[in-house]
Amino acid sequence: MRWKLRVAHSLPILICLSFIYFFSTQSYEQQNIRPLLNNMLLNLDVHHFFMDISFYYNHKEISVQNLGIDGFVEFFIRKAAHVLEFMCLGFFLFRWIHQWTKAYGVLFKLICFLMIILLFASIDELNQIFSTNRAPYFGDVIIDLFGSILGMVLYVWIRPKFYKSRRAEE
C-alpha cells in the first residue's frame, strides 16, 4: 500500500516535468502570443501605464518603447509561466521529498530540494540550446528557483491545514 502512495506522489512530478520539457522544446514562434496580445491590447489604451518602466534582462532592454506593448506584456507572461510551472513542480517535489525522507531533518530535505530543482531548472535552460530561436539564460534558472521555493512554501503552509481538517473529520 505504501508504494502506491509513493507512486501517486511521483506522478504529479513527472507530469510537471513533461509539461516543462514540452514548452522548453518549442521554438519561440510556436509560443509567440504577440499577435493575440496585439489584438487584445489594441482596443485598450494601456501603454501609458507602462511607459516609464524600463530595465535590462539578459542584456536586452525591456520597455514598451523597445518591445511595443505586446512584447512588453509577453515578457511578463513568459516569466510568470516560468514561476507558475516551477511553483507546481516545487510543491509536488517537496511533498515527494517529505514523504520519502521522513527520518531526516528539515535541512536535509531543503538541500535535496534545492539541488534537484537547480538540476531541473538548469536542464530546462540547456535544453533550449536545441530549440529554434531560444537561448538559455541563467536568470531564468533564478526565476525557476524562486517559483519552486514558492511551491515549497505553499506545501508547507497547506499541509498542516489539510491534515488538521482530515483528522477532524475522522
Protein backbone atom coordinates (compact mmCIF):
# COMPACT_ATOMS: atom_id res chain seq x y z
CA MET A 1 0.00 0.00 0.00
CA ARG A 2 2.82 2.41 0.87
CA TRP A 3 4.43 2.00 -2.55
CA LYS A 4 1.14 3.06 -4.18
CA LEU A 5 1.26 6.32 -2.23
CA ARG A 6 4.84 6.92 -3.33
CA VAL A 7 3.94 6.25 -6.95
CA ALA A 8 0.93 8.54 -6.60
CA HIS A 9 3.23 11.27 -5.21
CA SER A 10 5.69 10.75 -8.09
CA LEU A 11 3.12 11.08 -10.87
CA PRO A 12 2.47 14.85 -10.50
CA ILE A 13 6.23 15.47 -10.60
CA LEU A 14 6.51 13.55 -13.87
CA ILE A 15 3.56 15.47 -15.29
CA CYS A 16 5.14 18.80 -14.30
CA LEU A 17 8.48 17.80 -15.81
CA SER A 18 6.77 16.66 -19.03
CA PHE A 19 4.92 19.96 -19.24
CA ILE A 20 8.14 21.94 -18.68
CA TYR A 21 10.02 19.83 -21.25
CA PHE A 22 7.23 20.23 -23.81
CA PHE A 23 7.33 24.03 -23.62
CA SER A 24 11.10 24.12 -23.39
CA THR A 25 11.48 22.28 -26.70
CA GLN A 26 9.12 24.55 -28.60
CA SER A 27 10.55 27.30 -30.76
CA TYR A 28 9.80 30.93 -29.99
CA GLU A 29 7.49 31.05 -32.99
CA GLN A 30 5.40 28.17 -31.63
CA GLN A 31 4.98 30.02 -28.33
CA ASN A 32 4.57 33.51 -29.76
CA ILE A 33 1.48 35.16 -28.27
CA ARG A 34 2.26 38.67 -29.51
CA PRO A 35 -0.37 38.63 -32.28
CA LEU A 36 -3.04 37.61 -29.77
CA LEU A 37 -1.85 40.24 -27.30
CA ASN A 38 -1.73 42.85 -30.03
CA ASN A 39 -5.39 42.19 -30.86
CA MET A 40 -6.38 42.23 -27.20
CA LEU A 41 -4.39 45.34 -26.29
CA LEU A 42 -5.24 47.26 -29.46
CA ASN A 43 -8.56 48.47 -28.10
CA LEU A 44 -7.17 49.11 -24.63
CA ASP A 45 -5.13 52.22 -24.14
CA VAL A 46 -2.82 50.75 -21.52
CA HIS A 47 0.63 51.56 -22.88
CA HIS A 48 0.78 54.85 -20.97
CA PHE A 49 0.69 52.89 -17.69
CA PHE A 50 3.98 51.20 -18.59
CA MET A 51 5.81 53.98 -20.46
CA ASP A 52 8.14 54.79 -17.55
CA ILE A 53 9.14 51.18 -16.89
CA SER A 54 12.47 50.18 -18.38
CA PHE A 55 15.07 47.64 -17.25
CA TYR A 56 17.59 45.21 -18.68
CA TYR A 57 17.17 41.45 -18.72
CA ASN A 58 19.64 39.19 -20.49
CA HIS A 59 21.41 42.25 -21.92
CA LYS A 60 18.21 43.44 -23.59
CA GLU A 61 16.17 46.50 -22.72
CA ILE A 62 12.69 45.56 -21.56
CA SER A 63 10.42 48.53 -22.17
CA VAL A 64 7.31 49.48 -24.12
CA GLN A 65 9.44 51.75 -26.30
CA ASN A 66 11.78 48.89 -27.24
CA LEU A 67 9.37 45.92 -27.44
CA GLY A 68 5.99 47.51 -28.02
CA ILE A 69 3.15 46.94 -25.60
CA ASP A 70 2.55 43.40 -26.85
CA GLY A 71 6.22 42.39 -26.43
CA PHE A 72 6.39 44.06 -23.03
CA VAL A 73 3.33 42.18 -21.74
CA GLU A 74 4.53 38.95 -23.36
CA PHE A 75 7.83 39.21 -21.46
CA PHE A 76 5.98 39.23 -18.14
CA ILE A 77 3.64 36.43 -19.21
CA ARG A 78 6.65 34.28 -20.14
CA LYS A 79 8.38 34.93 -16.81
CA ALA A 80 5.11 34.28 -14.95
CA ALA A 81 4.89 30.95 -16.80
CA HIS A 82 8.36 30.05 -15.51
CA VAL A 83 7.28 30.87 -11.96
CA LEU A 84 3.97 29.00 -12.25
CA GLU A 85 5.31 25.80 -13.78
CA PHE A 86 8.17 25.60 -11.29
CA MET A 87 5.85 26.51 -8.42
CA CYS A 88 3.79 23.43 -9.26
CA LEU A 89 6.93 21.33 -9.56
CA GLY A 90 8.26 22.70 -6.27
CA PHE A 91 5.01 21.90 -4.48
CA PHE A 92 4.91 18.29 -5.64
CA LEU A 93 8.65 17.72 -5.38
CA PHE A 94 8.79 18.91 -1.77
CA ARG A 95 5.78 16.73 -0.95
CA TRP A 96 7.64 13.78 -2.51
CA ILE A 97 10.87 14.57 -0.63
CA HIS A 98 8.94 14.99 2.62
CA GLN A 99 7.28 11.59 2.08
CA TRP A 100 10.50 9.74 1.20
CA THR A 101 12.78 11.33 3.84
CA LYS A 102 10.64 11.30 6.97
CA ALA A 103 13.60 10.18 9.11
CA TYR A 104 15.72 13.17 8.06
CA GLY A 105 15.66 16.75 9.26
CA VAL A 106 14.39 19.85 7.52
CA LEU A 107 17.86 20.98 6.45
CA PHE A 108 18.50 17.71 4.61
CA LYS A 109 15.12 17.98 2.88
CA LEU A 110 15.80 21.59 1.90
CA ILE A 111 19.24 20.77 0.48
CA CYS A 112 17.84 17.85 -1.53
CA PHE A 113 15.02 20.04 -2.79
CA LEU A 114 17.32 22.88 -3.88
CA MET A 115 19.79 20.53 -5.59
CA ILE A 116 17.05 18.74 -7.54
CA ILE A 117 15.32 21.99 -8.53
CA LEU A 118 18.59 23.57 -9.66
CA LEU A 119 19.32 20.45 -11.70
CA PHE A 120 15.88 20.51 -13.37
CA ALA A 121 15.99 24.27 -13.99
CA SER A 122 19.49 24.02 -15.49
CA ILE A 123 18.48 21.13 -17.74
CA ASP A 124 15.43 23.14 -18.82
CA GLU A 125 17.61 26.08 -19.83
CA LEU A 126 20.26 23.91 -21.52
CA ASN A 127 17.52 22.16 -23.46
CA GLN A 128 16.68 25.49 -25.08
CA ILE A 129 20.01 25.39 -26.95
CA PHE A 130 18.37 22.83 -29.23
CA SER A 131 15.18 24.85 -29.76
CA THR A 132 14.83 27.31 -32.63
CA ASN A 133 15.21 30.98 -31.67
CA ARG A 134 15.63 30.12 -27.99
CA ALA A 135 18.67 30.62 -25.81
CA PRO A 136 19.47 29.52 -22.27
CA TYR A 137 19.83 32.23 -19.64
CA PHE A 138 20.91 31.87 -16.03
CA GLY A 139 18.37 34.50 -14.95
CA ASP A 140 15.60 32.08 -15.88
CA VAL A 141 17.12 29.46 -13.57
CA ILE A 142 16.84 32.01 -10.74
CA ILE A 143 13.20 32.69 -11.68
CA ASP A 144 12.56 28.93 -11.74
CA LEU A 145 14.19 28.58 -8.33
CA PHE A 146 12.01 31.39 -6.98
CA GLY A 147 8.87 29.70 -8.32
CA SER A 148 9.83 26.34 -6.84
CA ILE A 149 10.51 27.91 -3.44
CA LEU A 150 7.03 29.47 -3.62
CA GLY A 151 5.65 25.98 -4.30
CA MET A 152 7.56 24.52 -1.37
CA VAL A 153 6.31 27.29 0.95
CA LEU A 154 2.77 26.69 -0.30
CA TYR A 155 3.09 22.98 0.51
CA VAL A 156 4.49 23.70 3.97
CA TRP A 157 1.66 26.16 4.59
CA ILE A 158 -1.17 23.94 3.25
CA ARG A 159 -0.03 20.59 4.66
CA PRO A 160 -0.86 21.23 8.35
CA LYS A 161 -4.24 22.71 7.42
CA PHE A 162 -5.05 19.68 5.25
CA TYR A 163 -4.09 17.12 7.86
CA LYS A 164 -5.80 19.05 10.65
CA SER A 165 -9.08 19.09 8.71
CA ARG A 166 -8.67 15.38 7.82
CA ARG A 167 -8.17 14.42 11.46
CA ALA A 168 -11.20 16.45 12.49
CA GLU A 169 -13.38 14.50 10.00
CA GLU A 170 -12.27 11.11 11.40
